[in-house]
Amino acid sequence: MLGNGTKPAGRSVTSKVVSILNAFSPVHPELSLGELARRAGLPVSTTYRLASELVDWGGLERADGSGYRIGLRLWEVGSLSPRSKTLNELVLPFMQDLYEVTHQNVHLAVREGREALYVERVTGHRSVTVKSRRGGRLPLHATGVGKVLLAYASRADREEVLATPLKRFTPYTIVAPGLLRQALREVRRTGVAYAREEMTVGRTSIAVPVIDRTNQAVAALSIVLPSTSPAVDRLEPALRTAGRCASRQLRGATVPLSTDGE
């Protein structure tokens, strides 16, 4: 009870629904009712009621048995985002060109807080396996696209990331703030970022910025390929060309894009 005799406000319905949706992840794409309630921090009865309403709307789908998974309706709503639509439509042709040249994973990512959000991916059966996926997120400090986005972010945003503990994914991940700060200065100087086995051993990512009409890096374009590939040191010119062409197209877009993750 509060001092005035009233009960403290509980969680809103919106907060509860968001908790249910946030319970899903690449590691947990399907959840039973009990697992969903536990991960959302809600009573089972509340979870069942809200999940049932989300199923009716299409935000969730029934999985095999008694589980749940994300529904297509959320994808449909997300595809309406002007930011994502503009990027995907304008940059995808250049991504497809890069794939035809490399037959490796080609990624397009934007910054969302302290993570890189992968908004598009072109791949094929000859491409190496990677941790990234469309709609997935990975840390900024350990990925090629992340380094580009972090290097071109505001100094305040860079320092905020550098001030937090940086997770080491492989023996090659740069986690020392001083070394990462130096690496980001080099990215800004050269306009290209390399993440050599920093997220996954045996994989190298090469990334360049996509610049909008305000001269802001609103996205990053990358290729991920085996570290042992002889093409690692030969693909930078093709990637730079694709990045410049995508930037030129983006500068003519009618929808302004934000770089601050909002």
Protein backbone atom coordinates (compact mmCIF):
# COMPACT_ATOMS: atom_id res chain seq x y z
CA MET A 1 0.00 0.00 0.00
CA LEU A 2 1.14 3.56 -0.67
CA GLY A 3 1.09 6.28 1.95
CA ASN A 4 -2.27 7.56 0.75
CA GLY A 5 -3.86 4.14 1.16
CA THR A 6 -3.93 3.28 -2.55
CA LYS A 7 -2.36 0.20 -4.10
CA PRO A 8 0.80 0.62 -6.22
CA ALA A 9 0.15 0.58 -9.94
CA GLY A 10 0.74 -2.79 -11.54
CA ARG A 11 2.20 -3.55 -14.94
CA SER A 12 0.17 -2.28 -17.87
CA VAL A 13 -1.32 -4.63 -20.44
CA THR A 14 1.10 -3.22 -23.01
CA SER A 15 4.05 -4.02 -20.76
CA LYS A 16 2.82 -7.58 -20.34
CA VAL A 17 2.34 -8.10 -24.07
CA VAL A 18 5.81 -6.72 -24.77
CA SER A 19 7.24 -9.10 -22.15
CA ILE A 20 5.59 -12.03 -23.92
CA LEU A 21 7.00 -11.02 -27.30
CA ASN A 22 10.44 -10.36 -25.82
CA ALA A 23 10.48 -13.86 -24.36
CA PHE A 24 11.21 -15.27 -27.82
CA SER A 25 14.74 -15.22 -29.22
CA PRO A 26 16.87 -17.04 -31.81
CA VAL A 27 17.76 -19.51 -29.07
CA HIS A 28 14.12 -19.84 -27.98
CA PRO A 29 11.99 -19.54 -31.16
CA GLU A 30 9.27 -21.79 -29.68
CA LEU A 31 8.11 -21.82 -26.08
CA SER A 32 5.63 -23.85 -24.10
CA LEU A 33 3.05 -21.98 -22.03
CA GLY A 34 5.05 -22.56 -18.86
CA GLU A 35 8.30 -21.42 -20.43
CA LEU A 36 6.61 -18.38 -21.91
CA ALA A 37 5.14 -17.39 -18.55
CA ARG A 38 8.49 -17.86 -16.79
CA ARG A 39 10.50 -15.88 -19.34
CA ALA A 40 7.85 -13.11 -19.44
CA GLY A 41 7.63 -12.95 -15.64
CA LEU A 42 3.86 -13.38 -15.68
CA PRO A 43 1.35 -15.77 -14.10
CA VAL A 44 0.43 -18.70 -16.30
CA SER A 45 -3.23 -17.64 -16.42
CA THR A 46 -2.32 -14.13 -17.58
CA THR A 47 0.13 -15.48 -20.13
CA TYR A 48 -2.45 -17.88 -21.52
CA ARG A 49 -5.06 -15.13 -21.89
CA LEU A 50 -2.73 -12.66 -23.61
CA ALA A 51 -1.10 -15.34 -25.77
CA SER A 52 -4.52 -16.50 -26.93
CA GLU A 53 -5.43 -12.95 -27.93
CA LEU A 54 -2.11 -12.62 -29.79
CA VAL A 55 -2.82 -15.89 -31.61
CA ASP A 56 -6.24 -14.58 -32.68
CA TRP A 57 -4.57 -11.41 -34.01
CA GLY A 58 -1.75 -13.31 -35.72
CA GLY A 59 1.12 -12.00 -33.58
CA LEU A 60 1.72 -15.52 -32.25
CA GLU A 61 1.13 -18.92 -33.76
CA ARG A 62 0.49 -22.29 -32.17
CA ALA A 63 3.53 -24.53 -32.46
CA ASP A 64 3.42 -28.31 -32.43
CA GLY A 65 1.92 -29.53 -29.21
CA SER A 66 1.08 -26.78 -26.72
CA GLY A 67 3.82 -24.29 -27.64
CA TYR A 68 3.87 -20.86 -29.24
CA ARG A 69 6.03 -19.08 -31.82
CA ILE A 70 6.07 -15.62 -33.41
CA GLY A 71 3.36 -15.16 -36.05
CA LEU A 72 3.53 -13.66 -39.51
CA ARG A 73 1.39 -10.68 -38.52
CA LEU A 74 4.33 -9.17 -36.64
CA TRP A 75 6.49 -9.51 -39.74
CA GLU A 76 3.79 -7.79 -41.80
CA VAL A 77 3.63 -4.89 -39.35
CA GLY A 78 7.42 -4.62 -39.17
CA SER A 79 7.69 -4.50 -42.95
CA LEU A 80 5.68 -1.25 -42.91
CA SER A 81 8.55 0.61 -41.21
CA PRO A 82 9.67 3.37 -43.63
CA ARG A 83 13.23 3.03 -42.39
CA SER A 84 13.49 -0.68 -43.10
CA LYS A 85 11.50 -0.51 -46.34
CA THR A 86 13.63 2.26 -47.79
CA LEU A 87 16.88 0.54 -46.90
CA ASN A 88 15.80 -2.87 -48.14
CA GLU A 89 14.37 -1.66 -51.43
CA LEU A 90 17.30 0.59 -52.31
CA VAL A 91 20.22 -1.50 -51.06
CA LEU A 92 19.04 -5.02 -51.90
CA PRO A 93 20.04 -4.87 -55.61
CA PHE A 94 23.63 -4.07 -54.63
CA MET A 95 23.59 -6.86 -52.07
CA GLN A 96 22.46 -9.27 -54.77
CA ASP A 97 25.29 -8.10 -57.02
CA LEU A 98 27.78 -8.74 -54.22
CA TYR A 99 26.37 -12.20 -53.67
CA GLU A 100 26.71 -13.05 -57.35
CA VAL A 101 30.38 -12.07 -57.15
CA THR A 102 31.17 -13.82 -53.86
CA HIS A 103 28.48 -16.47 -53.24
CA GLN A 104 28.95 -15.62 -49.58
CA ASN A 105 26.73 -14.03 -46.92
CA VAL A 106 25.91 -10.39 -47.60
CA HIS A 107 24.40 -8.41 -44.73
CA LEU A 108 22.71 -5.07 -44.21
CA ALA A 109 22.48 -3.84 -40.62
CA VAL A 110 21.44 -0.75 -38.66
CA ARG A 111 22.28 0.29 -35.12
CA GLU A 112 19.73 -0.29 -32.38
CA GLY A 113 21.22 0.88 -29.12
CA ARG A 114 24.28 -1.23 -28.36
CA GLU A 115 23.53 -3.86 -30.99
CA ALA A 116 23.57 -4.31 -34.75
CA LEU A 117 20.13 -5.20 -36.09
CA TYR A 118 20.30 -7.23 -39.32
CA VAL A 119 17.53 -5.94 -41.57
CA GLU A 120 18.46 -7.87 -44.71
CA ARG A 121 20.59 -10.84 -45.71
CA VAL A 122 21.42 -12.49 -49.04
CA THR A 123 22.89 -15.98 -48.85
CA GLY A 124 22.96 -19.31 -50.65
CA HIS A 125 23.83 -22.97 -50.27
CA ARG A 126 27.52 -22.23 -50.98
CA SER A 127 27.73 -19.59 -48.24
CA VAL A 128 29.39 -20.38 -44.92
CA THR A 129 27.23 -20.75 -41.81
CA VAL A 130 27.07 -17.63 -39.65
CA LYS A 131 25.39 -16.53 -36.43
CA SER A 132 23.57 -13.59 -38.00
CA ARG A 133 20.06 -13.81 -39.38
CA ARG A 134 17.50 -11.40 -40.76
CA GLY A 135 15.83 -9.67 -37.84
CA GLY A 136 18.57 -10.84 -35.47
CA ARG A 137 20.91 -8.79 -33.35
CA LEU A 138 24.62 -9.08 -32.58
CA PRO A 139 26.97 -6.91 -30.49
CA LEU A 140 28.53 -3.89 -32.13
CA HIS A 141 32.09 -4.48 -30.95
CA ALA A 142 32.56 -7.99 -32.40
CA THR A 143 31.08 -7.69 -35.90
CA GLY A 144 32.11 -5.92 -39.07
CA VAL A 145 28.81 -4.08 -39.46
CA GLY A 146 28.85 -3.26 -35.76
CA LYS A 147 32.28 -1.70 -35.94
CA VAL A 148 31.21 0.49 -38.84
CA LEU A 149 28.05 1.60 -37.08
CA LEU A 150 29.94 2.26 -33.86
CA ALA A 151 32.77 4.10 -35.60
CA TYR A 152 30.34 6.47 -37.32
CA ALA A 153 28.13 6.97 -34.26
CA SER A 154 28.36 10.05 -32.08
CA ARG A 155 31.25 10.23 -29.62
CA ALA A 156 28.80 9.97 -26.72
CA ASP A 157 27.28 6.78 -28.13
CA ARG A 158 30.72 5.27 -28.76
CA GLU A 159 31.89 6.05 -25.26
CA GLU A 160 28.72 4.60 -23.78
CA VAL A 161 29.44 1.27 -25.48
CA LEU A 162 33.13 1.39 -24.58
CA ALA A 163 32.24 2.02 -20.95
CA THR A 164 30.26 -1.23 -20.68
CA PRO A 165 31.85 -4.68 -20.23
CA LEU A 166 32.51 -6.12 -23.69
CA LYS A 167 31.87 -9.83 -24.13
CA ARG A 168 34.64 -11.99 -25.55
CA PHE A 169 33.25 -14.43 -28.13
CA THR A 170 36.55 -15.84 -29.38
CA PRO A 171 40.23 -15.40 -28.42
CA TYR A 172 40.37 -12.70 -31.11
CA THR A 173 37.50 -10.50 -29.92
CA ILE A 174 38.71 -7.00 -29.04
CA VAL A 175 37.42 -6.26 -25.55
CA ALA A 176 39.96 -3.71 -24.29
CA PRO A 177 38.35 -0.23 -24.62
CA GLY A 178 41.63 1.39 -25.65
CA LEU A 179 42.29 -1.12 -28.42
CA LEU A 180 38.70 -0.93 -29.67
CA ARG A 181 38.82 2.87 -29.64
CA GLN A 182 41.96 2.70 -31.77
CA ALA A 183 40.32 0.21 -34.16
CA LEU A 184 37.30 2.50 -34.57
CA ARG A 185 39.52 5.45 -35.41
CA GLU A 186 41.06 3.31 -38.17
CA VAL A 187 37.59 2.46 -39.48
CA ARG A 188 36.71 6.14 -39.70
CA ARG A 189 40.03 6.86 -41.43
CA THR A 190 39.79 4.08 -44.02
CA GLY A 191 36.01 3.72 -44.38
CA VAL A 192 36.14 -0.06 -44.00
CA ALA A 193 35.98 -2.43 -41.01
CA TYR A 194 37.34 -5.94 -40.58
CA ALA A 195 36.23 -8.36 -37.89
CA ARG A 196 38.67 -11.25 -38.20
CA GLU A 197 37.31 -14.22 -36.26
CA GLU A 198 35.97 -11.93 -33.51
CA MET A 199 32.45 -13.38 -33.50
CA THR A 200 33.14 -16.87 -34.86
CA VAL A 201 36.46 -18.62 -35.32
CA GLY A 202 37.07 -19.24 -39.00
CA ARG A 203 34.89 -16.34 -40.21
CA THR A 204 35.93 -12.86 -41.34
CA SER A 205 33.55 -9.95 -41.87
CA ILE A 206 34.34 -6.96 -44.07
CA ALA A 207 31.97 -3.97 -43.79
CA VAL A 208 31.47 -0.45 -45.15
CA PRO A 209 29.03 2.34 -44.27
CA VAL A 210 25.90 3.32 -46.18
CA ILE A 211 25.64 7.12 -46.05
CA ASP A 212 22.41 9.10 -46.34
CA ARG A 213 21.70 12.63 -47.58
CA THR A 214 22.68 14.13 -44.19
CA ASN A 215 26.10 12.45 -44.45
CA GLN A 216 25.22 10.05 -41.64
CA ALA A 217 26.03 6.33 -41.69
CA VAL A 218 22.52 4.94 -41.34
CA ALA A 219 23.50 1.36 -42.13
CA ALA A 220 26.42 -0.95 -42.77
CA LEU A 221 26.92 -3.39 -45.63
CA SER A 222 29.11 -6.46 -45.15
CA ILE A 223 30.38 -9.73 -46.55
CA VAL A 224 31.13 -12.69 -44.28
CA LEU A 225 33.36 -15.44 -45.63
CA PRO A 226 35.86 -18.05 -44.43
CA SER A 227 39.00 -16.51 -42.95
CA THR A 228 41.10 -18.88 -45.06
CA SER A 229 39.51 -17.75 -48.33
CA PRO A 230 42.01 -16.14 -50.71
CA ALA A 231 39.27 -13.62 -51.57
CA VAL A 232 39.36 -11.98 -48.13
CA ASP A 233 41.89 -9.37 -49.21
CA ARG A 234 40.44 -8.96 -52.72
CA LEU A 235 36.80 -8.17 -51.95
CA GLU A 236 37.26 -4.78 -50.33
CA PRO A 237 37.07 -2.80 -53.63
CA ALA A 238 33.83 -4.55 -54.65
CA LEU A 239 32.32 -3.90 -51.24
CA ARG A 240 33.37 -0.25 -51.28
CA THR A 241 31.79 0.18 -54.73
CA ALA A 242 28.53 -1.39 -53.54
CA GLY A 243 28.54 0.84 -50.47
CA ARG A 244 29.06 3.99 -52.55
CA CYS A 245 26.33 3.00 -55.01
CA ALA A 246 23.89 2.21 -52.19
CA SER A 247 24.71 5.54 -50.52
CA ARG A 248 24.08 7.38 -53.78
CA GLN A 249 20.69 5.71 -54.09
CA LEU A 250 19.85 6.43 -50.48
CA ARG A 251 20.65 10.12 -50.81
CA GLY A 252 17.83 10.33 -53.33
CA ALA A 253 15.33 8.60 -51.02
CA THR A 254 12.29 10.61 -49.98
CA VAL A 255 12.12 9.07 -46.49
CA PRO A 256 14.73 10.40 -44.01
CA LEU A 257 16.40 7.72 -41.92
CA SER A 258 17.51 8.04 -38.32
CA THR A 259 20.82 6.68 -37.01
CA ASP A 260 20.07 6.87 -33.31
CA GLY A 261 17.97 3.71 -33.10
CA GLU A 262 14.72 5.58 -32.48
